[in-house]
C-alpha atoms as a PDB file:
ATOM      1  CA  MET A   1      -0.073  -0.301  -0.277  1.00  0.00           C
ATOM      2  CA  GLU A   2       3.050   2.017   0.416  1.00  0.00           C
ATOM      3  CA  LYS A   3       4.352   2.035  -2.639  1.00  0.00           C
ATOM      4  CA  THR A   4       1.453   3.637  -3.887  1.00  0.00           C
ATOM      5  CA  LEU A   5       1.969   7.087  -1.543  1.00  0.00           C
ATOM      6  CA  PHE A   6       5.730   6.932  -1.620  1.00  0.00           C
ATOM      7  CA  ASP A   7       9.069   6.134  -3.090  1.00  0.00           C
ATOM      8  CA  TRP A   8      11.490   5.654   0.147  1.00  0.00           C
ATOM      9  CA  ARG A   9      15.553   4.786   0.741  1.00  0.00           C
ATOM     10  CA  GLY A  10      15.213   2.479   3.658  1.00  0.00           C
ATOM     11  CA  TYR A  11      12.785   1.525   6.317  1.00  0.00           C
ATOM     12  CA  ASP A  12      12.984  -0.405   9.696  1.00  0.00           C
ATOM     13  CA  ALA A  13       9.571  -2.517  10.701  1.00  0.00           C
ATOM     14  CA  LEU A  14       9.160  -1.582  14.736  1.00  0.00           C
ATOM     15  CA  ASP A  15       6.473  -4.500  14.869  1.00  0.00           C
ATOM     16  CA  MET A  16       3.974  -6.767  12.228  1.00  0.00           C
ATOM     17  CA  THR A  17       2.067  -3.245  11.628  1.00  0.00           C
ATOM     18  CA  ALA A  18       4.211  -0.354  12.085  1.00  0.00           C
ATOM     19  CA  LEU A  19       6.779   0.570   9.715  1.00  0.00           C
ATOM     20  CA  ILE A  20       9.392   3.827   9.621  1.00  0.00           C
ATOM     21  CA  PHE A  21      10.312   4.873   6.032  1.00  0.00           C
ATOM     22  CA  TYR A  22      13.381   7.090   5.144  1.00  0.00           C
ATOM     23  CA  GLU A  23      14.327   9.674   2.618  1.00  0.00           C
ATOM     24  CA  CYS A  24      10.925   9.621   0.947  1.00  0.00           C
ATOM     25  CA  VAL A  25       9.595  10.792  -2.249  1.00  0.00           C
ATOM     26  CA  LEU A  26       5.377  11.866  -2.195  1.00  0.00           C
ATOM     27  CA  LYS A  27       4.134  10.138  -5.200  1.00  0.00           C
ATOM     28  CA  VAL A  28       0.796  11.818  -4.331  1.00  0.00           C
ATOM     29  CA  PRO A  29       0.124  14.816  -2.676  1.00  0.00           C
ATOM     30  CA  ILE A  30      -0.561  13.989   1.072  1.00  0.00           C
ATOM     31  CA  GLY A  31      -2.372  17.512   3.321  1.00  0.00           C
ATOM     32  CA  SER A  32      -0.396  20.298   1.770  1.00  0.00           C
ATOM     33  CA  PHE A  33       2.312  18.012   0.977  1.00  0.00           C
ATOM     34  CA  PRO A  34       2.169  18.143  -2.823  1.00  0.00           C
ATOM     35  CA  ILE A  35       3.457  15.335  -5.465  1.00  0.00           C
ATOM     36  CA  GLY A  36       7.640  15.265  -5.210  1.00  0.00           C
ATOM     37  CA  TYR A  37       7.821  16.304  -1.900  1.00  0.00           C
ATOM     38  CA  CYS A  38      10.577  14.930  -0.048  1.00  0.00           C
ATOM     39  CA  ALA A  39      10.307  14.094   3.558  1.00  0.00           C
ATOM     40  CA  ASN A  40      12.826  12.925   5.848  1.00  0.00           C
ATOM     41  CA  SER A  41      10.915  10.181   7.241  1.00  0.00           C
ATOM     42  CA  ILE A  42       7.126   8.695   7.020  1.00  0.00           C
ATOM     43  CA  PHE A  43       5.848   6.465   9.989  1.00  0.00           C
ATOM     44  CA  ILE A  44       2.837   4.086   9.056  1.00  0.00           C
ATOM     45  CA  ASP A  45       0.742   2.490  11.925  1.00  0.00           C
ATOM     46  CA  TYR A  46      -1.871   0.245  10.104  1.00  0.00           C
ATOM     47  CA  GLU A  47      -3.495  -1.062  13.312  1.00  0.00           C
ATOM     48  CA  GLN A  48      -3.988   2.420  14.315  1.00  0.00           C
ATOM     49  CA  GLY A  49      -4.356   3.770  11.096  1.00  0.00           C
ATOM     50  CA  VAL A  50      -1.770   6.744  11.388  1.00  0.00           C
ATOM     51  CA  LEU A  51       0.615   8.306   8.955  1.00  0.00           C
ATOM     52  CA  ALA A  52       3.223  10.593  10.188  1.00  0.00           C
ATOM     53  CA  ILE A  53       4.976  12.630   7.578  1.00  0.00           C
ATOM     54  CA  PHE A  54       8.345  14.081   9.410  1.00  0.00           C
ATOM     55  CA  ASP A  55      10.284  17.116   7.210  1.00  0.00           C
ATOM     56  CA  ASN A  56      14.156  17.490   7.420  1.00  0.00           C
ATOM     57  CA  GLU A  57      13.277  19.620  11.026  1.00  0.00           C
ATOM     58  CA  ASP A  58      11.668  16.223  12.000  1.00  0.00           C
ATOM     59  CA  LYS A  59       8.879  18.368  13.227  1.00  0.00           C
ATOM     60  CA  GLU A  60       5.442  15.903  12.782  1.00  0.00           C
ATOM     61  CA  TYR A  61       2.730  15.959  10.745  1.00  0.00           C
ATOM     62  CA  LYS A  62      -0.506  13.242  11.403  1.00  0.00           C
ATOM     63  CA  PHE A  63      -3.038  12.420   9.339  1.00  0.00           C
ATOM     64  CA  SER A  64      -5.836   9.634   9.367  1.00  0.00           C
ATOM     65  CA  LEU A  65      -4.635   6.653   7.376  1.00  0.00           C
ATOM     66  CA  ASN A  66      -8.174   4.997   5.698  1.00  0.00           C
ATOM     67  CA  LEU A  67      -8.236   1.374   3.969  1.00  0.00           C
ATOM     68  CA  GLN A  68     -10.803   1.779   0.521  1.00  0.00           C
ATOM     69  CA  VAL A  69     -11.467  -1.060  -1.819  1.00  0.00           C
ATOM     70  CA  GLY A  70     -11.473  -0.466  -5.450  1.00  0.00           C
ATOM     71  CA  GLU A  71     -12.288  -2.416  -8.084  1.00  0.00           C
ATOM     72  CA  PRO A  72     -12.218  -5.858  -9.088  1.00  0.00           C
ATOM     73  CA  LEU A  73      -8.759  -7.229 -10.304  1.00  0.00           C
ATOM     74  CA  SER A  74     -10.696 -10.452 -11.653  1.00  0.00           C
ATOM     75  CA  ALA A  75     -13.959 -11.395 -12.648  1.00  0.00           C
END
Protein backbone atom coordinates (compact mmCIF):
# COMPACT_ATOMS: atom_id res chain seq x y z
CA MET A 1 0.00 0.00 0.00
CA GLU A 2 2.78 2.45 0.85
CA LYS A 3 4.24 1.92 -2.64
CA THR A 4 1.27 3.83 -4.06
CA LEU A 5 1.93 6.77 -1.72
CA PHE A 6 5.70 7.31 -1.78
CA ASP A 7 9.14 5.96 -2.66
CA TRP A 8 11.83 5.48 0.02
CA ARG A 9 15.51 4.55 0.42
CA GLY A 10 15.26 2.48 3.61
CA TYR A 11 12.87 1.36 6.31
CA ASP A 12 12.59 -0.30 9.71
CA ALA A 13 9.75 -2.57 10.79
CA LEU A 14 8.91 -1.62 14.36
CA ASP A 15 6.45 -4.51 14.64
CA MET A 16 4.01 -6.36 12.36
CA THR A 17 1.85 -3.27 11.73
CA ALA A 18 4.16 -0.28 12.27
CA LEU A 19 6.95 0.80 9.91
CA ILE A 20 9.14 3.85 9.50
CA PHE A 21 10.47 4.76 6.04
CA TYR A 22 13.49 7.01 5.39
CA GLU A 23 14.29 9.54 2.64
CA CYS A 24 10.79 9.48 1.16
CA VAL A 25 9.46 11.14 -2.00
CA LEU A 26 5.68 11.53 -2.29
CA LYS A 27 3.91 10.08 -5.33
CA VAL A 28 0.58 11.64 -4.35
CA PRO A 29 -0.28 14.81 -2.46
CA ILE A 30 -0.84 14.29 1.27
CA GLY A 31 -2.38 17.20 3.13
CA SER A 32 -0.48 20.32 2.03
CA PHE A 33 2.54 18.26 0.89
CA PRO A 34 2.74 18.13 -2.93
CA ILE A 35 3.80 15.29 -5.23
CA GLY A 36 7.60 15.18 -5.24
CA TYR A 37 7.95 16.42 -1.65
CA CYS A 38 11.02 14.88 0.02
CA ALA A 39 10.30 13.89 3.61
CA ASN A 40 12.99 12.94 6.10
CA SER A 41 10.83 10.00 7.19
CA ILE A 42 7.28 8.67 7.14
CA PHE A 43 5.79 6.54 9.91
CA ILE A 44 2.84 4.23 9.19
CA ASP A 45 0.84 2.36 11.81
CA TYR A 46 -1.70 0.15 10.05
CA GLU A 47 -3.32 -1.03 13.29
CA GLN A 48 -4.00 2.51 14.53
CA GLY A 49 -4.67 3.93 11.04
CA VAL A 50 -2.04 6.67 11.30
CA LEU A 51 0.46 8.10 8.82
CA ALA A 52 2.95 10.71 10.05
CA ILE A 53 5.29 12.74 7.86
CA PHE A 54 8.47 14.12 9.43
CA ASP A 55 10.06 17.05 7.63
CA ASN A 56 13.79 17.87 7.56
CA GLU A 57 13.46 19.62 10.93
CA ASP A 58 11.77 16.52 12.45
CA LYS A 59 8.44 18.31 12.76
CA GLU A 60 5.60 15.75 12.74
CA TYR A 61 2.44 16.03 10.61
CA LYS A 62 -0.14 13.33 11.41
CA PHE A 63 -2.87 12.07 9.11
CA SER A 64 -5.52 9.39 9.36
CA LEU A 65 -4.76 6.40 7.16
CA ASN A 66 -7.90 4.89 5.65
CA LEU A 67 -8.20 1.70 3.64
CA GLN A 68 -10.38 1.84 0.57
CA VAL A 69 -11.39 -1.09 -1.62
CA GLY A 70 -11.31 -0.37 -5.35
CA GLU A 71 -12.40 -2.15 -8.49
CA PRO A 72 -12.10 -5.96 -8.75
CA LEU A 73 -8.80 -7.16 -10.22
CA SER A 74 -10.43 -10.11 -12.00
CA ALA A 75 -13.95 -11.29 -12.82
